[in-house]
Amino acid sequence: MRQTFLLPLLATLLVPAFAAAESTADAQREAERLGGTIRTSEVASSGSVAWGEALAVVDAPVESVMATVTDYAKYYEFLPHFNQSRVLSQRGHNALVYMQASIIHDSATLWAQMRIFARRPQGETKIIEARMTEGNMDQFAARWEITPLADGRSLVRFRLLVEPDLPMPSSVFTSQNLTNAERTM
């Protein structure tokens, strides 16, 4: 009876440790494959517009990258096309942020109130997500995943999904999501 109880308990304690080690090793292998490049890809979403994803090695430790990613008031400084980012309320890494961007050569303005929050880390990977709570778009979401590398650098994955309520083909927005994810890096 006692062995029956201990085996599942031991398995639940060891599986997350192995998963985290595998995740860190995977991140290290991915970083070696990337070298100094940024890899981009489209990731399917629930709608007609796909996420843009960029993956890169950043020459900074996780703490520095997290400090930048969680400085929500300065998003307008490095997110393409954004000209405003105001923190409305914040507790730790969780915040409500107003963001505004100009598109189509400043002929249209997109705005959103975003709920930004820290997810539970997956192994050593820290995760920050953002979801639109209000705005003039059909969808707006983002996700940062920051994983430490053995040499003190960070592997950063950034996903962006912006779907404006404009009469244009979804392929235009997918292309912009991809381009802007890469430019963010």
N, C-alpha and C. Protein backbone atom coordinates (compact mmCIF):
# COMPACT_ATOMS: atom_id res chain seq x y z
N MET A 1 0.83 -1.19 0.00
CA MET A 1 0.00 0.00 0.00
C MET A 1 0.87 1.25 0.00
N ARG A 2 1.90 1.27 0.83
CA ARG A 2 2.76 2.44 0.93
C ARG A 2 3.51 2.68 -0.38
N GLN A 3 4.01 1.62 -1.03
CA GLN A 3 4.71 1.77 -2.31
C GLN A 3 3.77 2.30 -3.39
N THR A 4 2.52 1.90 -3.37
CA THR A 4 1.55 2.35 -4.35
C THR A 4 1.35 3.85 -4.25
N PHE A 5 1.39 4.38 -3.05
CA PHE A 5 1.22 5.81 -2.84
C PHE A 5 2.48 6.59 -3.22
N LEU A 6 3.64 6.06 -2.88
CA LEU A 6 4.89 6.79 -3.10
C LEU A 6 5.29 6.88 -4.58
N LEU A 7 4.99 5.87 -5.37
CA LEU A 7 5.39 5.88 -6.77
C LEU A 7 4.75 7.03 -7.56
N PRO A 8 3.41 7.23 -7.48
CA PRO A 8 2.83 8.37 -8.20
C PRO A 8 3.33 9.71 -7.66
N LEU A 9 3.53 9.80 -6.34
CA LEU A 9 4.04 11.04 -5.76
C LEU A 9 5.43 11.33 -6.28
N LEU A 10 6.30 10.35 -6.33
CA LEU A 10 7.65 10.51 -6.84
C LEU A 10 7.62 10.91 -8.32
N ALA A 11 6.74 10.29 -9.08
CA ALA A 11 6.63 10.60 -10.51
C ALA A 11 6.20 12.05 -10.71
N THR A 12 5.23 12.54 -9.90
CA THR A 12 4.79 13.93 -10.06
C THR A 12 5.87 14.92 -9.66
N LEU A 13 6.74 14.54 -8.76
CA LEU A 13 7.82 15.44 -8.37
C LEU A 13 8.95 15.45 -9.39
N LEU A 14 9.23 14.32 -10.03
CA LEU A 14 10.36 14.22 -10.96
C LEU A 14 10.03 14.68 -12.37
N VAL A 15 8.81 14.47 -12.84
CA VAL A 15 8.47 14.83 -14.22
C VAL A 15 8.70 16.31 -14.50
N PRO A 16 8.24 17.25 -13.66
CA PRO A 16 8.51 18.66 -13.96
C PRO A 16 10.01 18.97 -13.99
N ALA A 17 10.81 18.32 -13.15
CA ALA A 17 12.26 18.56 -13.15
C ALA A 17 12.87 18.11 -14.47
N PHE A 18 12.47 16.95 -14.98
CA PHE A 18 12.98 16.48 -16.26
C PHE A 18 12.49 17.36 -17.40
N ALA A 19 11.23 17.80 -17.35
CA ALA A 19 10.68 18.66 -18.40
C ALA A 19 11.44 19.98 -18.45
N ALA A 20 11.75 20.56 -17.31
CA ALA A 20 12.48 21.82 -17.29
C ALA A 20 13.88 21.65 -17.85
N ALA A 21 14.55 20.56 -17.47
CA ALA A 21 15.90 20.32 -17.99
C ALA A 21 15.85 20.12 -19.50
N GLU A 22 14.85 19.41 -19.99
CA GLU A 22 14.71 19.19 -21.42
C GLU A 22 14.44 20.51 -22.13
N SER A 23 13.61 21.36 -21.51
CA SER A 23 13.28 22.66 -22.08
C SER A 23 14.52 23.54 -22.20
N THR A 24 15.36 23.57 -21.19
CA THR A 24 16.58 24.36 -21.20
C THR A 24 17.56 23.81 -22.24
N ALA A 25 17.67 22.49 -22.32
CA ALA A 25 18.55 21.88 -23.32
C ALA A 25 18.03 22.17 -24.72
N ASP A 26 16.72 22.10 -24.90
CA ASP A 26 16.13 22.44 -26.20
C ASP A 26 16.42 23.89 -26.56
N ALA A 27 16.31 24.78 -25.59
CA ALA A 27 16.59 26.20 -25.83
C ALA A 27 18.04 26.40 -26.24
N GLN A 28 18.95 25.68 -25.61
CA GLN A 28 20.36 25.80 -25.94
C GLN A 28 20.62 25.32 -27.37
N ARG A 29 20.01 24.19 -27.75
CA ARG A 29 20.17 23.68 -29.12
C ARG A 29 19.58 24.66 -30.14
N GLU A 30 18.43 25.21 -29.82
CA GLU A 30 17.78 26.18 -30.71
C GLU A 30 18.66 27.42 -30.88
N ALA A 31 19.27 27.88 -29.81
CA ALA A 31 20.15 29.04 -29.88
C ALA A 31 21.36 28.77 -30.76
N GLU A 32 21.92 27.57 -30.66
CA GLU A 32 23.07 27.21 -31.50
C GLU A 32 22.68 27.17 -32.97
N ARG A 33 21.47 26.69 -33.27
CA ARG A 33 20.99 26.66 -34.66
C ARG A 33 20.78 28.08 -35.20
N LEU A 34 20.30 28.97 -34.35
CA LEU A 34 20.01 30.34 -34.80
C LEU A 34 21.27 31.14 -35.10
N GLY A 35 22.32 30.92 -34.30
CA GLY A 35 23.51 31.75 -34.45
C GLY A 35 23.12 33.18 -34.13
N GLY A 36 23.43 34.12 -35.01
CA GLY A 36 23.09 35.52 -34.78
C GLY A 36 21.88 35.97 -35.56
N THR A 37 21.06 35.04 -36.05
CA THR A 37 19.93 35.42 -36.88
C THR A 37 18.63 35.46 -36.09
N ILE A 38 17.62 36.04 -36.70
CA ILE A 38 16.27 36.02 -36.16
C ILE A 38 15.45 35.12 -37.08
N ARG A 39 14.80 34.13 -36.51
CA ARG A 39 13.95 33.25 -37.31
C ARG A 39 12.51 33.68 -37.12
N THR A 40 11.77 33.79 -38.22
CA THR A 40 10.37 34.16 -38.14
C THR A 40 9.51 33.05 -38.70
N SER A 41 8.27 33.00 -38.25
CA SER A 41 7.32 32.02 -38.77
C SER A 41 5.90 32.47 -38.49
N GLU A 42 4.97 31.95 -39.27
CA GLU A 42 3.55 32.18 -39.03
C GLU A 42 3.05 31.07 -38.13
N VAL A 43 2.16 31.43 -37.21
CA VAL A 43 1.56 30.45 -36.31
C VAL A 43 0.05 30.62 -36.42
N ALA A 44 -0.66 29.54 -36.70
CA ALA A 44 -2.11 29.61 -36.89
C ALA A 44 -2.81 30.14 -35.64
N SER A 45 -3.89 30.85 -35.87
CA SER A 45 -4.72 31.36 -34.77
C SER A 45 -6.14 30.84 -34.98
N SER A 46 -7.04 31.22 -34.09
CA SER A 46 -8.43 30.78 -34.22
C SER A 46 -9.17 31.55 -35.30
N GLY A 47 -8.61 32.67 -35.76
CA GLY A 47 -9.25 33.48 -36.80
C GLY A 47 -8.56 33.32 -38.13
N SER A 48 -8.84 34.24 -39.04
CA SER A 48 -8.26 34.17 -40.38
C SER A 48 -6.86 34.77 -40.46
N VAL A 49 -6.49 35.59 -39.49
CA VAL A 49 -5.16 36.21 -39.45
C VAL A 49 -4.25 35.35 -38.57
N ALA A 50 -3.03 35.09 -39.05
CA ALA A 50 -2.08 34.27 -38.28
C ALA A 50 -1.19 35.14 -37.40
N TRP A 51 -0.68 34.51 -36.35
CA TRP A 51 0.30 35.15 -35.48
C TRP A 51 1.60 35.33 -36.28
N GLY A 52 2.34 36.38 -35.97
CA GLY A 52 3.71 36.50 -36.43
C GLY A 52 4.60 36.11 -35.26
N GLU A 53 5.61 35.31 -35.51
CA GLU A 53 6.50 34.86 -34.43
C GLU A 53 7.94 35.13 -34.83
N ALA A 54 8.71 35.62 -33.87
CA ALA A 54 10.15 35.82 -34.07
C ALA A 54 10.88 35.15 -32.93
N LEU A 55 12.00 34.52 -33.25
CA LEU A 55 12.82 33.82 -32.27
C LEU A 55 14.25 34.30 -32.46
N ALA A 56 14.88 34.74 -31.38
CA ALA A 56 16.25 35.26 -31.48
C ALA A 56 16.99 35.05 -30.17
N VAL A 57 18.31 35.05 -30.29
CA VAL A 57 19.17 35.04 -29.11
C VAL A 57 19.51 36.50 -28.80
N VAL A 58 19.26 36.92 -27.57
CA VAL A 58 19.52 38.29 -27.15
C VAL A 58 20.76 38.28 -26.25
N ASP A 59 21.69 39.17 -26.52
CA ASP A 59 22.93 39.24 -25.74
C ASP A 59 22.71 39.95 -24.40
N ALA A 60 21.83 39.38 -23.60
CA ALA A 60 21.55 39.93 -22.27
C ALA A 60 20.97 38.80 -21.41
N PRO A 61 21.19 38.87 -20.11
CA PRO A 61 20.62 37.84 -19.23
C PRO A 61 19.10 38.00 -19.12
N VAL A 62 18.44 36.95 -18.69
CA VAL A 62 16.98 36.94 -18.56
C VAL A 62 16.48 38.12 -17.74
N GLU A 63 17.16 38.46 -16.66
CA GLU A 63 16.71 39.56 -15.80
C GLU A 63 16.63 40.87 -16.56
N SER A 64 17.62 41.14 -17.41
CA SER A 64 17.62 42.38 -18.20
C SER A 64 16.52 42.36 -19.25
N VAL A 65 16.33 41.22 -19.91
CA VAL A 65 15.28 41.10 -20.91
C VAL A 65 13.91 41.27 -20.25
N MET A 66 13.72 40.62 -19.10
CA MET A 66 12.45 40.75 -18.38
C MET A 66 12.20 42.19 -17.94
N ALA A 67 13.25 42.89 -17.54
CA ALA A 67 13.09 44.29 -17.14
C ALA A 67 12.57 45.13 -18.30
N THR A 68 13.06 44.85 -19.50
CA THR A 68 12.59 45.57 -20.70
C THR A 68 11.17 45.17 -21.05
N VAL A 69 10.90 43.87 -21.06
CA VAL A 69 9.58 43.36 -21.45
C VAL A 69 8.49 43.81 -20.48
N THR A 70 8.82 43.97 -19.21
CA THR A 70 7.82 44.36 -18.22
C THR A 70 7.79 45.87 -17.96
N ASP A 71 8.55 46.63 -18.71
CA ASP A 71 8.49 48.10 -18.61
C ASP A 71 7.44 48.58 -19.62
N TYR A 72 6.19 48.33 -19.31
CA TYR A 72 5.08 48.52 -20.25
C TYR A 72 4.93 49.96 -20.72
N ALA A 73 5.30 50.91 -19.88
CA ALA A 73 5.18 52.32 -20.26
C ALA A 73 6.12 52.68 -21.41
N LYS A 74 7.13 51.87 -21.65
CA LYS A 74 8.08 52.17 -22.73
C LYS A 74 7.90 51.30 -23.96
N TYR A 75 6.80 50.57 -24.05
CA TYR A 75 6.56 49.74 -25.22
C TYR A 75 6.59 50.55 -26.51
N TYR A 76 6.11 51.77 -26.46
CA TYR A 76 6.10 52.60 -27.68
C TYR A 76 7.50 52.86 -28.21
N GLU A 77 8.52 52.68 -27.39
CA GLU A 77 9.90 52.93 -27.82
C GLU A 77 10.46 51.82 -28.71
N PHE A 78 9.96 50.59 -28.56
CA PHE A 78 10.54 49.51 -29.36
C PHE A 78 9.53 48.66 -30.14
N LEU A 79 8.24 48.82 -29.89
CA LEU A 79 7.25 48.10 -30.67
C LEU A 79 6.95 48.92 -31.92
N PRO A 80 7.09 48.34 -33.11
CA PRO A 80 6.87 49.08 -34.35
C PRO A 80 5.47 49.70 -34.43
N HIS A 81 5.40 50.93 -34.86
CA HIS A 81 4.17 51.69 -35.11
C HIS A 81 3.47 52.20 -33.86
N PHE A 82 3.91 51.79 -32.67
CA PHE A 82 3.24 52.25 -31.46
C PHE A 82 3.74 53.63 -31.07
N ASN A 83 2.80 54.53 -30.79
CA ASN A 83 3.19 55.87 -30.39
C ASN A 83 2.74 56.21 -28.98
N GLN A 84 1.98 55.31 -28.34
CA GLN A 84 1.59 55.50 -26.95
C GLN A 84 1.53 54.16 -26.23
N SER A 85 1.95 54.16 -25.00
CA SER A 85 1.76 53.02 -24.10
C SER A 85 1.72 53.60 -22.69
N ARG A 86 0.54 53.60 -22.10
CA ARG A 86 0.32 54.18 -20.77
C ARG A 86 -0.16 53.11 -19.81
N VAL A 87 0.51 52.98 -18.70
CA VAL A 87 0.11 52.02 -17.68
C VAL A 87 -1.06 52.63 -16.90
N LEU A 88 -2.20 51.96 -16.93
CA LEU A 88 -3.38 52.44 -16.21
C LEU A 88 -3.39 51.92 -14.78
N SER A 89 -2.93 50.70 -14.59
CA SER A 89 -2.76 50.13 -13.24
C SER A 89 -1.78 48.98 -13.35
N GLN A 90 -1.07 48.72 -12.24
CA GLN A 90 -0.06 47.66 -12.27
C GLN A 90 0.17 47.11 -10.87
N ARG A 91 0.34 45.81 -10.81
CA ARG A 91 0.76 45.12 -9.59
C ARG A 91 1.73 44.04 -10.03
N GLY A 92 3.01 44.22 -9.71
CA GLY A 92 4.04 43.28 -10.14
C GLY A 92 4.14 43.30 -11.66
N HIS A 93 4.12 42.12 -12.28
CA HIS A 93 4.19 42.03 -13.73
C HIS A 93 2.81 42.08 -14.39
N ASN A 94 1.75 42.18 -13.59
CA ASN A 94 0.40 42.23 -14.13
C ASN A 94 -0.03 43.68 -14.25
N ALA A 95 -0.59 44.03 -15.41
CA ALA A 95 -0.94 45.44 -15.63
C ALA A 95 -2.09 45.58 -16.61
N LEU A 96 -2.70 46.74 -16.55
CA LEU A 96 -3.68 47.17 -17.53
C LEU A 96 -3.02 48.35 -18.25
N VAL A 97 -2.86 48.24 -19.58
CA VAL A 97 -2.08 49.21 -20.35
C VAL A 97 -2.89 49.68 -21.55
N TYR A 98 -2.89 50.99 -21.77
CA TYR A 98 -3.50 51.57 -22.97
C TYR A 98 -2.39 51.69 -24.01
N MET A 99 -2.65 51.17 -25.22
CA MET A 99 -1.66 51.24 -26.29
C MET A 99 -2.31 51.79 -27.55
N GLN A 100 -1.53 52.57 -28.30
CA GLN A 100 -2.03 53.16 -29.53
C GLN A 100 -0.96 53.07 -30.61
N ALA A 101 -1.39 52.75 -31.83
CA ALA A 101 -0.45 52.63 -32.96
C ALA A 101 -1.05 53.28 -34.20
N SER A 102 -0.18 53.81 -35.03
CA SER A 102 -0.59 54.36 -36.32
C SER A 102 -0.19 53.38 -37.41
N ILE A 103 -1.11 53.17 -38.37
CA ILE A 103 -0.81 52.26 -39.48
C ILE A 103 -1.18 52.92 -40.80
N ILE A 104 -0.87 52.26 -41.87
CA ILE A 104 -1.16 52.71 -43.24
C ILE A 104 -0.73 54.17 -43.41
N HIS A 105 0.56 54.41 -43.19
CA HIS A 105 1.15 55.75 -43.33
C HIS A 105 0.40 56.79 -42.51
N ASP A 106 0.11 56.45 -41.28
CA ASP A 106 -0.57 57.33 -40.32
C ASP A 106 -2.00 57.70 -40.72
N SER A 107 -2.62 56.92 -41.58
CA SER A 107 -4.00 57.23 -41.98
C SER A 107 -5.03 56.55 -41.08
N ALA A 108 -4.60 55.60 -40.26
CA ALA A 108 -5.52 54.94 -39.33
C ALA A 108 -4.81 54.76 -37.99
N THR A 109 -5.60 54.87 -36.93
CA THR A 109 -5.07 54.69 -35.58
C THR A 109 -5.75 53.50 -34.93
N LEU A 110 -4.94 52.60 -34.41
CA LEU A 110 -5.44 51.45 -33.67
C LEU A 110 -5.20 51.71 -32.19
N TRP A 111 -6.13 51.32 -31.35
CA TRP A 111 -5.94 51.48 -29.91
C TRP A 111 -6.49 50.24 -29.20
N ALA A 112 -5.93 50.00 -28.05
CA ALA A 112 -6.41 48.86 -27.25
C ALA A 112 -6.06 49.09 -25.79
N GLN A 113 -6.93 48.60 -24.96
CA GLN A 113 -6.63 48.47 -23.55
C GLN A 113 -6.22 47.01 -23.38
N MET A 114 -5.01 46.79 -22.91
CA MET A 114 -4.44 45.45 -22.84
C MET A 114 -4.31 44.99 -21.39
N ARG A 115 -4.66 43.75 -21.16
CA ARG A 115 -4.36 43.11 -19.87
C ARG A 115 -3.07 42.33 -20.10
N ILE A 116 -2.03 42.74 -19.40
CA ILE A 116 -0.72 42.09 -19.53
C ILE A 116 -0.44 41.36 -18.22
N PHE A 117 0.00 40.11 -18.34
CA PHE A 117 0.18 39.33 -17.12
C PHE A 117 1.28 38.29 -17.28
N ALA A 118 1.86 37.94 -16.15
CA ALA A 118 2.89 36.90 -16.12
C ALA A 118 2.20 35.55 -15.97
N ARG A 119 2.58 34.61 -16.82
CA ARG A 119 2.12 33.23 -16.71
C ARG A 119 3.08 32.48 -15.80
N ARG A 120 2.64 31.34 -15.33
CA ARG A 120 3.52 30.48 -14.54
C ARG A 120 4.68 30.05 -15.43
N PRO A 121 5.92 30.16 -14.96
CA PRO A 121 7.07 29.75 -15.80
C PRO A 121 6.95 28.29 -16.21
N GLN A 122 7.45 27.99 -17.40
CA GLN A 122 7.54 26.61 -17.87
C GLN A 122 9.00 26.24 -17.80
N GLY A 123 9.37 25.50 -16.76
CA GLY A 123 10.77 25.23 -16.51
C GLY A 123 11.44 26.55 -16.16
N GLU A 124 12.50 26.89 -16.88
CA GLU A 124 13.19 28.16 -16.63
C GLU A 124 12.68 29.28 -17.54
N THR A 125 11.72 28.97 -18.40
CA THR A 125 11.20 29.96 -19.33
C THR A 125 10.16 30.84 -18.66
N LYS A 126 10.41 32.15 -18.70
CA LYS A 126 9.47 33.13 -18.16
C LYS A 126 8.53 33.56 -19.28
N ILE A 127 7.24 33.74 -18.95
CA ILE A 127 6.23 34.03 -19.96
C ILE A 127 5.42 35.26 -19.56
N ILE A 128 5.29 36.18 -20.49
CA ILE A 128 4.43 37.36 -20.33
C ILE A 128 3.44 37.35 -21.49
N GLU A 129 2.15 37.49 -21.18
CA GLU A 129 1.12 37.51 -22.21
C GLU A 129 0.33 38.80 -22.13
N ALA A 130 -0.21 39.21 -23.28
CA ALA A 130 -1.06 40.40 -23.35
C ALA A 130 -2.29 40.07 -24.18
N ARG A 131 -3.43 40.50 -23.71
CA ARG A 131 -4.70 40.29 -24.42
C ARG A 131 -5.50 41.59 -24.39
N MET A 132 -6.10 41.91 -25.52
CA MET A 132 -6.94 43.10 -25.60
C MET A 132 -8.23 42.87 -24.81
N THR A 133 -8.59 43.84 -23.97
CA THR A 133 -9.86 43.79 -23.26
C THR A 133 -10.87 44.73 -23.90
N GLU A 134 -10.35 45.77 -24.57
CA GLU A 134 -11.19 46.75 -25.23
C GLU A 134 -10.36 47.41 -26.32
N GLY A 135 -10.98 47.75 -27.43
CA GLY A 135 -10.24 48.42 -28.49
C GLY A 135 -10.99 48.43 -29.79
N ASN A 136 -10.35 48.96 -30.84
CA ASN A 136 -11.00 49.05 -32.14
C ASN A 136 -10.45 48.03 -33.13
N MET A 137 -10.09 46.88 -32.63
CA MET A 137 -9.59 45.77 -33.45
C MET A 137 -10.42 44.53 -33.16
N ASP A 138 -10.38 43.58 -34.09
CA ASP A 138 -11.04 42.30 -33.84
C ASP A 138 -10.23 41.48 -32.84
N GLN A 139 -8.90 41.51 -32.97
CA GLN A 139 -8.01 40.78 -32.06
C GLN A 139 -6.71 41.54 -31.89
N PHE A 140 -6.15 41.46 -30.69
CA PHE A 140 -4.82 41.98 -30.43
C PHE A 140 -4.28 41.20 -29.24
N ALA A 141 -3.19 40.49 -29.46
CA ALA A 141 -2.58 39.68 -28.40
C ALA A 141 -1.08 39.57 -28.66
N ALA A 142 -0.33 39.31 -27.60
CA ALA A 142 1.11 39.14 -27.72
C ALA A 142 1.57 38.16 -26.64
N ARG A 143 2.72 37.55 -26.88
CA ARG A 143 3.29 36.60 -25.91
C ARG A 143 4.81 36.65 -26.01
N TRP A 144 5.45 36.80 -24.87
CA TRP A 144 6.91 36.76 -24.76
C TRP A 144 7.28 35.49 -24.01
N GLU A 145 8.30 34.77 -24.48
CA GLU A 145 8.88 33.63 -23.76
C GLU A 145 10.38 33.88 -23.70
N ILE A 146 10.92 33.96 -22.50
CA ILE A 146 12.34 34.27 -22.32
C ILE A 146 12.99 33.13 -21.55
N THR A 147 13.98 32.49 -22.18
CA THR A 147 14.66 31.33 -21.60
C THR A 147 16.14 31.63 -21.44
N PRO A 148 16.70 31.38 -20.24
CA PRO A 148 18.14 31.62 -20.05
C PRO A 148 18.98 30.59 -20.80
N LEU A 149 20.11 31.03 -21.32
CA LEU A 149 21.06 30.13 -21.96
C LEU A 149 22.28 29.99 -21.06
N ALA A 150 23.03 28.92 -21.25
CA ALA A 150 24.17 28.62 -20.38
C ALA A 150 25.23 29.72 -20.41
N ASP A 151 25.34 30.46 -21.51
CA ASP A 151 26.38 31.49 -21.63
C ASP A 151 25.94 32.86 -21.11
N GLY A 152 24.78 32.93 -20.44
CA GLY A 152 24.31 34.19 -19.87
C GLY A 152 23.41 34.99 -20.80
N ARG A 153 23.26 34.54 -22.05
CA ARG A 153 22.35 35.21 -22.97
C ARG A 153 20.94 34.64 -22.79
N SER A 154 20.00 35.13 -23.60
CA SER A 154 18.61 34.68 -23.49
C SER A 154 18.08 34.31 -24.86
N LEU A 155 17.27 33.26 -24.89
CA LEU A 155 16.54 32.90 -26.09
C LEU A 155 15.16 33.53 -25.92
N VAL A 156 14.77 34.40 -26.87
CA VAL A 156 13.51 35.13 -26.76
C VAL A 156 12.61 34.77 -27.94
N ARG A 157 11.40 34.37 -27.60
CA ARG A 157 10.36 34.09 -28.60
C ARG A 157 9.27 35.13 -28.38
N PHE A 158 8.90 35.82 -29.46
CA PHE A 158 7.86 36.84 -29.38
C PHE A 158 6.79 36.52 -30.42
N ARG A 159 5.54 36.48 -29.97
CA ARG A 159 4.41 36.25 -30.88
C ARG A 159 3.50 37.48 -30.83
N LEU A 160 3.00 37.85 -32.02
CA LEU A 160 2.13 39.02 -32.13
C LEU A 160 0.95 38.69 -33.03
N LEU A 161 -0.25 39.05 -32.58
CA LEU A 161 -1.46 38.87 -33.36
C LEU A 161 -2.26 40.17 -33.31
N VAL A 162 -2.27 40.88 -34.43
CA VAL A 162 -3.05 42.10 -34.56
C VAL A 162 -3.99 41.90 -35.74
N GLU A 163 -5.28 42.03 -35.48
CA GLU A 163 -6.28 41.90 -36.54
C GLU A 163 -7.19 43.12 -36.49
N PRO A 164 -6.83 44.17 -37.25
CA PRO A 164 -7.67 45.37 -37.26
C PRO A 164 -9.02 45.12 -37.92
N ASP A 165 -9.98 45.91 -37.56
CA ASP A 165 -11.31 45.82 -38.17
C ASP A 165 -11.31 46.73 -39.40
N LEU A 166 -10.57 46.31 -40.42
CA LEU A 166 -10.43 47.09 -41.66
C LEU A 166 -10.73 46.18 -42.85
N PRO A 167 -11.29 46.75 -43.93
CA PRO A 167 -11.64 45.94 -45.10
C PRO A 167 -10.42 45.64 -45.98
N MET A 168 -9.57 44.76 -45.48
CA MET A 168 -8.37 44.35 -46.22
C MET A 168 -8.22 42.84 -46.08
N PRO A 169 -7.53 42.21 -47.02
CA PRO A 169 -7.33 40.76 -46.94
C PRO A 169 -6.55 40.37 -45.67
N SER A 170 -6.90 39.24 -45.09
CA SER A 170 -6.23 38.78 -43.88
C SER A 170 -4.74 38.55 -44.12
N SER A 171 -4.35 38.22 -45.36
CA SER A 171 -2.93 37.98 -45.65
C SER A 171 -2.10 39.24 -45.42
N VAL A 172 -2.68 40.42 -45.59
CA VAL A 172 -1.97 41.68 -45.34
C VAL A 172 -1.63 41.78 -43.86
N PHE A 173 -2.59 41.46 -43.00
CA PHE A 173 -2.37 41.55 -41.55
C PHE A 173 -1.41 40.47 -41.06
N THR A 174 -1.52 39.27 -41.62
CA THR A 174 -0.60 38.19 -41.26
C THR A 174 0.83 38.60 -41.61
N SER A 175 1.01 39.16 -42.79
CA SER A 175 2.33 39.62 -43.22
C SER A 175 2.88 40.69 -42.28
N GLN A 176 2.02 41.62 -41.87
CA GLN A 176 2.44 42.68 -40.95
C GLN A 176 2.76 42.12 -39.56
N ASN A 177 2.00 41.13 -39.11
CA ASN A 177 2.30 40.50 -37.82
C ASN A 177 3.68 39.87 -37.84
N LEU A 178 4.02 39.22 -38.94
CA LEU A 178 5.32 38.58 -39.09
C LEU A 178 6.44 39.62 -39.12
N THR A 179 6.27 40.63 -39.92
CA THR A 179 7.27 41.71 -40.03
C THR A 179 7.47 42.43 -38.72
N ASN A 180 6.38 42.76 -38.04
CA ASN A 180 6.49 43.51 -36.80
C ASN A 180 7.03 42.66 -35.65
N ALA A 181 6.77 41.37 -35.65
CA ALA A 181 7.37 40.50 -34.63
C ALA A 181 8.89 40.51 -34.80
N GLU A 182 9.34 40.42 -36.04
CA GLU A 182 10.78 40.45 -36.31
C GLU A 182 11.39 41.81 -35.94
N ARG A 183 10.73 42.89 -36.29
CA ARG A 183 11.25 44.23 -35.99
C ARG A 183 11.30 44.50 -34.49
N THR A 184 10.44 43.86 -33.72
CA THR A 184 10.43 44.03 -32.27
C THR A 184 11.72 43.48 -31.66
N MET A 185 12.25 42.44 -32.26
CA MET A 185 13.48 41.83 -31.74
C MET A 185 14.65 42.77 -31.96
